[in-house]
Amino acid sequence: METIRELFRIGTGPSSSHTMGPRKAAELFLAQVPDAACYRVTLFGALAATGRGHLTDRALEEVFGSRRLTLVWKPEEQLPLHPNALRFEALGASGEVLRSWDVYSVGGGALKGEGIAHTPRTVDCLETMDQVLERCAETGEAFWEYLESCEGKQIWGFLEEAWRVMSDSIERGLQAEGVLPGGLGLARKAHAFYRKAALYGPEFRQNALLCAYAYAVAEENASGGVIVTAPTCGASGVLPAVLRHLDEALGCGPKKIVRALATAGLVGNLVKHNASISGAEVGCQGEVGTACAMAAAAATQLYGGSIRQIEYAAEMGIEHHLGLTCDPVQGLVQIPCIERNAHAAARAMACCQFALLSDGVHKISFTEIVRVMKETGQALPPLYRETSGGGIAQAYRQRKKP
């Protein structure tokens, strides 16, 4: 299984699959063919449909710099392995193709392709939550201890850095004001939410702060700021918001927060390995649904829940996002994405509280719900999987027609 270093990626928004992945692919291709007369990059399927809104063109142009680059957009055509596909071509002086590479941006900034090596870092871990639960029941390990046995003690330094970047993105987002880029005329709200929280009673104040933190990160992502994929850019506000909220409410401290981050990473990695975290492949249930499951698991651990209660909270996080579509308005990671991060953070806390009320015994396991999520995502029509062709995106287009 891939290391959680491949899940928690530090980079710039607004999309791990549309900006971080293509940027990395371009760097890999250019390293192999640095001196061609010119270059052509063809974008296919969902990547072409929403690439401009997700700043894919800007990411590629920044990598190629002053080199001659032609971008070709083919939203109606798909390559066989994934909806987010690119074809890189290095061309000679006469226009002949010197080298070609088909590569897929499969979510969370990860790439799959042939011809140029990009081997994700892997660790020796069990492949399903059922197996992990059985192991932890035998050894008495917590989930974070099990993850350490897979990743090694050096993972803590990596997770400490991830939490630092998450915290910084919250702070920047809380301070920033103005209109988000992209043309929707959407004003930032995190700063106002944070200020207004002080006006309310304790319970309402905590909910307001939780929303403010989720908005802060999601708005930073939408403006191209530095964030951590958790598990993707579009869902990057959920987990940091819950961790910040509980750090303040419970006085957790850095060590417990980082251990909760490890458990969240384990949950996200199991979804990524057994299903998908790509909105283009399975809809937003794979992005925000997985983020909710990760945050619910982390919260339940911080409240002292058992491994069974943690697993139950994570299962509910996905179960109650089943079928969630990915239909960003104008291809921008703004509507409904930013608001959805805040709602998923609130739902993660609800899943945590519900799991803690129980003994952790339930009928549908996390392993089963991940499989159901994958099947549901594959059954969704392409219009509802990050093409901006249907759903909310279509409703917005129709409303804007004269």
Protein backbone atom coordinates (compact mmCIF):
# COMPACT_ATOMS: atom_id res chain seq x y z
CA MET A 1 0.00 0.00 0.00
CA GLU A 2 1.15 3.55 -0.63
CA THR A 3 2.54 5.49 2.29
CA ILE A 4 0.38 8.22 3.81
CA ARG A 5 3.07 10.59 2.55
CA GLU A 6 1.33 10.13 -0.82
CA LEU A 7 -2.02 11.04 0.78
CA PHE A 8 -1.04 14.16 2.73
CA ARG A 9 0.65 16.26 0.03
CA ILE A 10 1.70 19.84 0.60
CA GLY A 11 1.04 22.02 -2.43
CA THR A 12 -0.99 24.83 -3.95
CA GLY A 13 -4.69 24.69 -4.77
CA PRO A 14 -7.22 24.70 -6.11
CA SER A 15 -7.23 21.03 -7.16
CA SER A 16 -4.97 18.10 -6.39
CA SER A 17 -6.10 16.24 -9.50
CA HIS A 18 -6.23 19.25 -11.82
CA THR A 19 -3.28 21.36 -10.68
CA MET A 20 -0.95 19.39 -8.40
CA GLY A 21 -1.07 16.19 -10.48
CA PRO A 22 -0.62 17.81 -13.92
CA ARG A 23 2.13 20.05 -12.55
CA LYS A 24 4.07 17.02 -11.30
CA ALA A 25 3.47 15.15 -14.55
CA ALA A 26 4.79 18.10 -16.56
CA GLU A 27 7.92 18.25 -14.40
CA LEU A 28 8.55 14.53 -14.90
CA PHE A 29 8.10 14.73 -18.67
CA LEU A 30 10.22 17.83 -19.03
CA ALA A 31 13.01 16.22 -17.02
CA GLN A 32 13.12 13.42 -19.56
CA VAL A 33 12.81 15.57 -22.71
CA PRO A 34 14.12 19.05 -21.80
CA ASP A 35 15.28 20.27 -25.22
CA ALA A 36 12.48 19.61 -27.70
CA ALA A 37 11.61 22.29 -30.23
CA CYS A 38 8.12 22.55 -28.78
CA TYR A 39 5.63 20.65 -26.68
CA ARG A 40 1.98 19.68 -26.93
CA VAL A 41 -0.23 18.65 -24.03
CA THR A 42 -3.68 17.22 -24.72
CA LEU A 43 -6.18 17.11 -21.88
CA PHE A 44 -8.99 14.56 -22.00
CA GLY A 45 -12.32 13.91 -20.31
CA ALA A 46 -13.05 15.50 -16.94
CA LEU A 47 -9.61 17.09 -16.83
CA ALA A 48 -10.39 18.99 -20.02
CA ALA A 49 -13.96 19.77 -19.01
CA THR A 50 -13.03 21.63 -15.82
CA GLY A 51 -9.31 22.26 -16.32
CA ARG A 52 -9.57 25.98 -16.99
CA GLY A 53 -11.64 26.55 -13.86
CA HIS A 54 -9.16 24.48 -11.86
CA LEU A 55 -6.16 26.39 -13.33
CA THR A 56 -4.68 23.35 -15.07
CA ASP A 57 -3.49 25.53 -17.94
CA ARG A 58 -1.72 27.90 -15.56
CA ALA A 59 0.01 25.01 -13.76
CA LEU A 60 1.31 23.56 -17.03
CA GLU A 61 2.40 26.92 -18.42
CA GLU A 62 4.35 27.67 -15.24
CA VAL A 63 6.30 24.40 -15.58
CA PHE A 64 7.10 24.81 -19.28
CA GLY A 65 8.00 28.46 -18.77
CA SER A 66 9.31 30.15 -21.93
CA ARG A 67 9.26 26.91 -23.97
CA ARG A 68 6.77 26.70 -26.82
CA LEU A 69 3.67 24.94 -25.54
CA THR A 70 0.35 24.09 -27.18
CA LEU A 71 -2.60 22.98 -25.07
CA VAL A 72 -5.36 20.92 -26.67
CA TRP A 73 -8.68 20.40 -24.83
CA LYS A 74 -10.77 17.28 -25.58
CA PRO A 75 -13.52 17.03 -22.95
CA GLU A 76 -15.60 14.72 -25.13
CA GLU A 77 -12.82 12.13 -25.47
CA GLN A 78 -11.55 9.83 -22.74
CA LEU A 79 -8.52 7.61 -22.39
CA PRO A 80 -9.20 4.14 -20.97
CA LEU A 81 -7.82 4.13 -17.43
CA HIS A 82 -9.23 7.26 -15.75
CA PRO A 83 -11.35 10.35 -16.57
CA ASN A 84 -8.44 12.70 -15.75
CA ALA A 85 -5.97 12.03 -18.55
CA LEU A 86 -3.14 13.96 -20.21
CA ARG A 87 -0.98 13.21 -23.23
CA PHE A 88 2.41 14.90 -23.25
CA GLU A 89 4.23 15.12 -26.59
CA ALA A 90 7.70 16.46 -27.32
CA LEU A 91 7.92 17.67 -30.91
CA GLY A 92 10.86 18.14 -33.25
CA ALA A 93 11.52 21.15 -35.48
CA SER A 94 9.40 19.65 -38.27
CA GLY A 95 6.53 18.81 -35.93
CA GLU A 96 7.37 15.13 -35.61
CA VAL A 97 6.62 13.47 -32.27
CA LEU A 98 9.88 12.65 -30.49
CA ARG A 99 8.31 11.26 -27.38
CA SER A 100 4.79 10.76 -26.07
CA TRP A 101 3.45 9.89 -22.64
CA ASP A 102 -0.12 9.21 -21.51
CA VAL A 103 -0.56 9.85 -17.81
CA TYR A 104 -3.52 9.92 -15.44
CA SER A 105 -4.08 12.27 -12.51
CA VAL A 106 -6.01 9.91 -10.22
CA GLY A 107 -6.75 12.15 -7.24
CA GLY A 108 -4.89 13.61 -4.30
CA GLY A 109 -2.04 14.69 -6.59
CA ALA A 110 -1.14 11.08 -7.46
CA LEU A 111 -0.21 9.95 -10.97
CA LYS A 112 -0.46 6.70 -12.89
CA GLY A 113 1.11 6.11 -16.26
CA GLU A 114 3.70 4.29 -18.30
CA GLY A 115 6.80 5.32 -20.16
CA ILE A 116 8.26 7.59 -17.50
CA ALA A 117 8.83 6.22 -14.04
CA HIS A 118 6.83 7.65 -11.19
CA THR A 119 6.70 4.97 -8.53
CA PRO A 120 4.73 5.97 -5.43
CA ARG A 121 6.40 5.19 -2.14
CA THR A 122 4.89 2.10 -0.55
CA VAL A 123 4.86 0.54 2.90
CA ASP A 124 4.00 -2.95 4.13
CA CYS A 125 0.49 -2.43 5.51
CA LEU A 126 -2.69 -4.47 5.72
CA GLU A 127 -5.14 -3.67 2.93
CA THR A 128 -8.56 -3.49 4.63
CA MET A 129 -9.95 -2.02 7.83
CA ASP A 130 -11.22 -5.48 8.82
CA GLN A 131 -7.64 -6.77 8.75
CA VAL A 132 -6.36 -3.76 10.70
CA LEU A 133 -9.05 -4.18 13.36
CA GLU A 134 -8.19 -7.84 13.75
CA ARG A 135 -4.51 -7.03 14.10
CA CYS A 136 -5.11 -4.26 16.65
CA ALA A 137 -7.48 -6.47 18.65
CA GLU A 138 -4.71 -9.06 18.92
CA THR A 139 -1.84 -6.69 19.72
CA GLY A 140 -3.68 -4.07 21.75
CA GLU A 141 -2.31 -1.34 19.47
CA ALA A 142 -4.13 1.89 18.77
CA PHE A 143 -4.53 2.80 15.12
CA TRP A 144 -1.74 5.38 15.33
CA GLU A 145 0.59 2.77 16.84
CA TYR A 146 -0.22 0.36 14.04
CA LEU A 147 0.49 3.09 11.48
CA GLU A 148 3.85 3.77 13.11
CA SER A 149 4.73 0.08 12.77
CA CYS A 150 4.06 0.38 9.02
CA GLU A 151 5.62 3.76 8.33
CA GLY A 152 8.42 3.89 10.91
CA LYS A 153 9.07 6.51 13.58
CA GLN A 154 10.17 9.03 10.95
CA ILE A 155 6.52 9.48 9.98
CA TRP A 156 6.00 11.75 12.99
CA GLY A 157 8.25 14.46 11.62
CA PHE A 158 6.33 14.35 8.35
CA LEU A 159 2.97 14.59 10.13
CA GLU A 160 4.17 17.43 12.33
CA GLU A 161 5.04 19.39 9.19
CA ALA A 162 1.66 18.55 7.64
CA TRP A 163 -0.11 19.86 10.74
CA ARG A 164 2.00 23.02 10.68
CA VAL A 165 0.97 23.72 7.08
CA MET A 166 -2.67 22.96 7.89
CA SER A 167 -2.54 25.37 10.83
CA ASP A 168 -0.91 28.07 8.73
CA SER A 169 -3.61 27.73 6.07
CA ILE A 170 -6.28 28.23 8.73
CA GLU A 171 -4.56 31.36 10.05
CA ARG A 172 -4.12 32.88 6.59
CA GLY A 173 -7.71 32.10 5.68
CA LEU A 174 -9.08 33.66 8.85
CA GLN A 175 -7.24 36.89 8.14
CA ALA A 176 -7.90 37.18 4.40
CA GLU A 177 -10.81 39.15 2.99
CA GLY A 178 -12.06 40.06 -0.47
CA VAL A 179 -13.40 38.25 -3.50
CA LEU A 180 -12.12 34.83 -4.58
CA PRO A 181 -10.61 34.63 -8.08
CA GLY A 182 -12.42 32.99 -10.96
CA GLY A 183 -15.30 35.26 -11.90
CA LEU A 184 -18.12 33.96 -9.69
CA GLY A 185 -17.97 37.05 -7.50
CA LEU A 186 -17.83 34.87 -4.38
CA ALA A 187 -16.67 36.75 -1.30
CA ARG A 188 -14.52 35.11 1.37
CA LYS A 189 -16.54 34.34 4.51
CA ALA A 190 -14.08 32.78 6.98
CA HIS A 191 -13.00 36.10 8.49
CA ALA A 192 -16.60 37.23 9.09
CA PHE A 193 -17.60 33.83 10.54
CA TYR A 194 -14.65 33.95 12.92
CA ARG A 195 -15.50 37.45 14.13
CA LYS A 196 -19.21 36.74 14.50
CA ALA A 197 -18.55 33.60 16.55
CA ALA A 198 -17.75 35.78 19.58
CA LEU A 199 -21.31 37.14 19.56
CA TYR A 200 -22.99 33.82 20.30
CA GLY A 201 -23.42 31.43 23.22
CA PRO A 202 -20.94 28.60 23.82
CA GLU A 203 -22.56 25.89 21.68
CA PHE A 204 -23.33 28.14 18.71
CA ARG A 205 -19.88 29.72 19.05
CA GLN A 206 -18.14 26.35 18.73
CA ASN A 207 -20.13 25.49 15.59
CA ALA A 208 -19.37 28.91 14.13
CA LEU A 209 -15.65 28.48 14.77
CA LEU A 210 -15.67 25.01 13.23
CA CYS A 211 -17.27 26.43 10.07
CA ALA A 212 -14.85 29.36 10.05
CA TYR A 213 -11.85 27.02 10.16
CA ALA A 214 -13.20 24.84 7.34
CA TYR A 215 -13.99 27.91 5.22
CA ALA A 216 -10.54 29.37 5.93
CA VAL A 217 -8.71 26.40 4.42
CA ALA A 218 -11.18 25.87 1.58
CA GLU A 219 -10.96 29.55 0.61
CA GLU A 220 -7.18 29.44 0.74
CA ASN A 221 -7.32 26.45 -1.59
CA ALA A 222 -9.72 28.20 -3.95
CA SER A 223 -7.34 31.15 -4.20
CA GLY A 224 -4.33 28.96 -5.00
CA GLY A 225 -2.83 29.04 -1.50
CA VAL A 226 -0.63 26.39 0.10
CA ILE A 227 -2.65 23.60 1.70
CA VAL A 228 -2.38 19.89 2.55
CA THR A 229 -4.46 17.40 0.57
CA ALA A 230 -6.69 15.64 3.08
CA PRO A 231 -7.34 13.61 1.02
CA THR A 232 -7.65 16.13 -1.86
CA CYS A 233 -7.41 19.88 -2.35
CA GLY A 234 -11.17 20.22 -2.77
CA ALA A 235 -11.76 18.53 0.60
CA SER A 236 -8.74 20.00 2.37
CA GLY A 237 -10.72 22.07 4.90
CA VAL A 238 -12.56 19.29 6.74
CA LEU A 239 -9.81 17.57 8.75
CA PRO A 240 -7.85 20.72 9.74
CA ALA A 241 -11.08 22.35 10.95
CA VAL A 242 -11.99 19.42 13.20
CA LEU A 243 -8.46 19.10 14.58
CA ARG A 244 -8.18 22.84 15.31
CA HIS A 245 -11.61 22.85 16.94
CA LEU A 246 -10.78 19.90 19.22
CA ASP A 247 -7.31 21.17 20.01
CA GLU A 248 -8.94 24.29 21.41
CA ALA A 249 -11.92 22.57 23.03
CA LEU A 250 -10.05 19.69 24.68
CA GLY A 251 -6.56 21.13 25.08
CA CYS A 252 -5.12 18.19 23.18
CA GLY A 253 -1.60 19.42 22.49
CA PRO A 254 0.62 18.69 19.48
CA LYS A 255 1.38 15.03 20.20
CA LYS A 256 -2.26 13.95 20.42
CA ILE A 257 -3.20 16.03 17.38
CA VAL A 258 -0.48 14.42 15.28
CA ARG A 259 -1.52 10.95 16.44
CA ALA A 260 -5.09 11.76 15.42
CA LEU A 261 -3.74 12.92 12.06
CA ALA A 262 -2.04 9.52 11.71
CA THR A 263 -5.33 7.71 12.32
CA ALA A 264 -7.07 9.98 9.81
CA GLY A 265 -4.34 9.15 7.29
CA LEU A 266 -4.85 5.43 7.83
CA VAL A 267 -8.58 5.82 7.13
CA GLY A 268 -8.00 7.93 4.02
CA ASN A 269 -5.38 5.55 2.70
CA LEU A 270 -7.70 2.57 3.03
CA VAL A 271 -10.34 4.40 0.97
CA LYS A 272 -7.76 5.41 -1.61
CA HIS A 273 -6.42 1.85 -1.87
CA ASN A 274 -9.76 0.06 -2.05
CA ALA A 275 -11.93 2.61 -3.87
CA SER A 276 -11.01 6.14 -4.96
CA ILE A 277 -10.57 9.68 -3.66
CA SER A 278 -10.99 11.16 -7.14
CA GLY A 279 -14.08 13.26 -7.80
CA ALA A 280 -13.71 12.55 -11.51
CA GLU A 281 -13.88 8.81 -10.83
CA VAL A 282 -16.47 8.44 -8.04
CA GLY A 283 -17.93 11.88 -7.40
CA CYS A 284 -17.54 14.09 -4.35
CA GLN A 285 -18.35 11.18 -2.03
CA GLY A 286 -14.76 10.10 -2.69
CA GLU A 287 -13.40 13.52 -1.71
CA VAL A 288 -15.58 15.15 0.94
CA GLY A 289 -17.02 11.80 2.06
CA THR A 290 -13.54 10.44 2.68
CA ALA A 291 -12.48 13.68 4.39
CA CYS A 292 -15.49 13.40 6.70
CA ALA A 293 -14.57 9.81 7.54
CA MET A 294 -10.97 10.82 8.27
CA ALA A 295 -12.05 13.70 10.50
CA ALA A 296 -14.67 11.59 12.30
CA ALA A 297 -12.05 8.94 13.08
CA ALA A 298 -9.57 11.54 14.34
CA ALA A 299 -12.21 13.20 16.53
CA THR A 300 -13.33 9.91 18.06
CA GLN A 301 -9.74 9.05 18.95
CA LEU A 302 -9.21 12.45 20.58
CA TYR A 303 -12.32 11.88 22.69
CA GLY A 304 -10.90 8.55 23.91
CA GLY A 305 -12.98 6.24 21.73
CA SER A 306 -12.09 2.59 21.20
CA ILE A 307 -10.83 1.28 17.86
CA ARG A 308 -14.33 -0.09 17.19
CA GLN A 309 -15.90 3.29 17.85
CA ILE A 310 -13.30 4.99 15.64
CA GLU A 311 -14.05 2.55 12.82
CA TYR A 312 -17.81 3.14 13.28
CA ALA A 313 -17.39 6.92 13.09
CA ALA A 314 -15.35 6.59 9.90
CA GLU A 315 -17.94 4.27 8.38
CA MET A 316 -20.73 6.75 9.06
CA GLY A 317 -18.69 9.55 7.52
CA ILE A 318 -18.76 7.76 4.19
CA GLU A 319 -22.19 6.15 4.52
CA HIS A 320 -23.95 9.48 4.84
CA HIS A 321 -22.17 10.97 1.85
CA LEU A 322 -22.98 8.09 -0.52
CA GLY A 323 -23.97 9.32 -3.96
CA LEU A 324 -22.63 12.84 -3.46
CA THR A 325 -21.99 14.31 -6.89
CA CYS A 326 -19.07 16.42 -8.08
CA ASP A 327 -20.51 19.28 -10.10
CA PRO A 328 -18.50 22.45 -9.43
CA VAL A 329 -19.98 25.62 -10.85
CA GLN A 330 -17.89 26.83 -13.81
CA GLY A 331 -15.26 24.22 -12.92
CA LEU A 332 -14.14 26.27 -9.92
CA VAL A 333 -13.49 24.69 -6.52
CA GLN A 334 -15.89 27.16 -4.89
CA ILE A 335 -19.59 26.34 -5.29
CA PRO A 336 -20.61 23.97 -3.71
CA CYS A 337 -17.13 22.88 -2.60
CA ILE A 338 -16.28 25.47 0.07
CA GLU A 339 -19.61 25.25 1.88
CA ARG A 340 -19.49 21.46 1.61
CA ASN A 341 -16.21 21.41 3.58
CA ALA A 342 -17.92 23.15 6.50
CA HIS A 343 -20.92 20.83 6.46
CA ALA A 344 -18.66 17.77 6.32
CA ALA A 345 -16.69 19.04 9.32
CA ALA A 346 -19.93 19.41 11.28
CA ARG A 347 -21.06 15.96 10.17
CA ALA A 348 -17.72 14.47 11.21
CA MET A 349 -18.33 15.76 14.74
CA ALA A 350 -21.86 14.30 14.66
CA CYS A 351 -20.49 10.92 13.54
CA CYS A 352 -17.96 11.04 16.35
CA GLN A 353 -20.61 11.80 18.97
CA PHE A 354 -22.94 9.10 17.66
CA ALA A 355 -20.15 6.51 17.68
CA LEU A 356 -19.22 7.43 21.25
CA LEU A 357 -22.85 6.89 22.33
CA SER A 358 -22.57 3.32 21.05
CA ASP A 359 -20.30 0.43 21.91
CA GLY A 360 -18.88 0.48 18.39
CA VAL A 361 -20.86 -2.57 17.24
CA HIS A 362 -22.75 -2.01 14.00
CA LYS A 363 -24.01 -4.00 11.01
CA ILE A 364 -22.21 -2.46 8.01
CA SER A 365 -18.44 -2.33 8.32
CA PHE A 366 -16.08 0.36 7.07
CA THR A 367 -14.63 -2.17 4.61
CA GLU A 368 -18.11 -2.82 3.19
CA ILE A 369 -19.09 0.84 2.95
CA VAL A 370 -15.89 1.63 1.04
CA ARG A 371 -16.81 -1.05 -1.46
CA VAL A 372 -20.34 0.37 -1.72
CA MET A 373 -18.94 3.85 -2.27
CA LYS A 374 -16.80 2.61 -5.14
CA GLU A 375 -19.77 0.82 -6.74
CA THR A 376 -21.98 3.88 -6.29
CA GLY A 377 -19.37 6.15 -7.82
CA GLN A 378 -18.94 3.92 -10.84
CA ALA A 379 -22.72 3.93 -11.34
CA LEU A 380 -22.96 7.74 -11.31
CA PRO A 381 -23.37 9.18 -14.80
CA PRO A 382 -20.28 11.07 -15.99
CA LEU A 383 -22.24 14.33 -15.79
CA TYR A 384 -22.10 14.03 -12.01
CA ARG A 385 -18.42 13.19 -11.74
CA GLU A 386 -16.46 16.44 -12.03
CA THR A 387 -17.37 17.46 -15.55
CA SER A 388 -19.44 20.48 -14.49
CA GLY A 389 -21.95 19.22 -17.06
CA GLY A 390 -24.87 18.51 -14.74
CA GLY A 391 -26.29 19.06 -11.28
CA ILE A 392 -25.56 22.37 -9.55
CA ALA A 393 -23.24 23.51 -12.33
CA GLN A 394 -26.00 23.07 -14.90
CA ALA A 395 -28.55 24.83 -12.71
CA TYR A 396 -26.22 27.82 -12.42
CA ARG A 397 -25.68 27.95 -16.19
CA GLN A 398 -29.40 27.87 -16.86
CA ARG A 399 -30.04 30.65 -14.35
CA LYS A 400 -27.40 32.83 -16.05
CA LYS A 401 -29.00 32.45 -19.50
CA PRO A 402 -30.79 35.57 -20.77
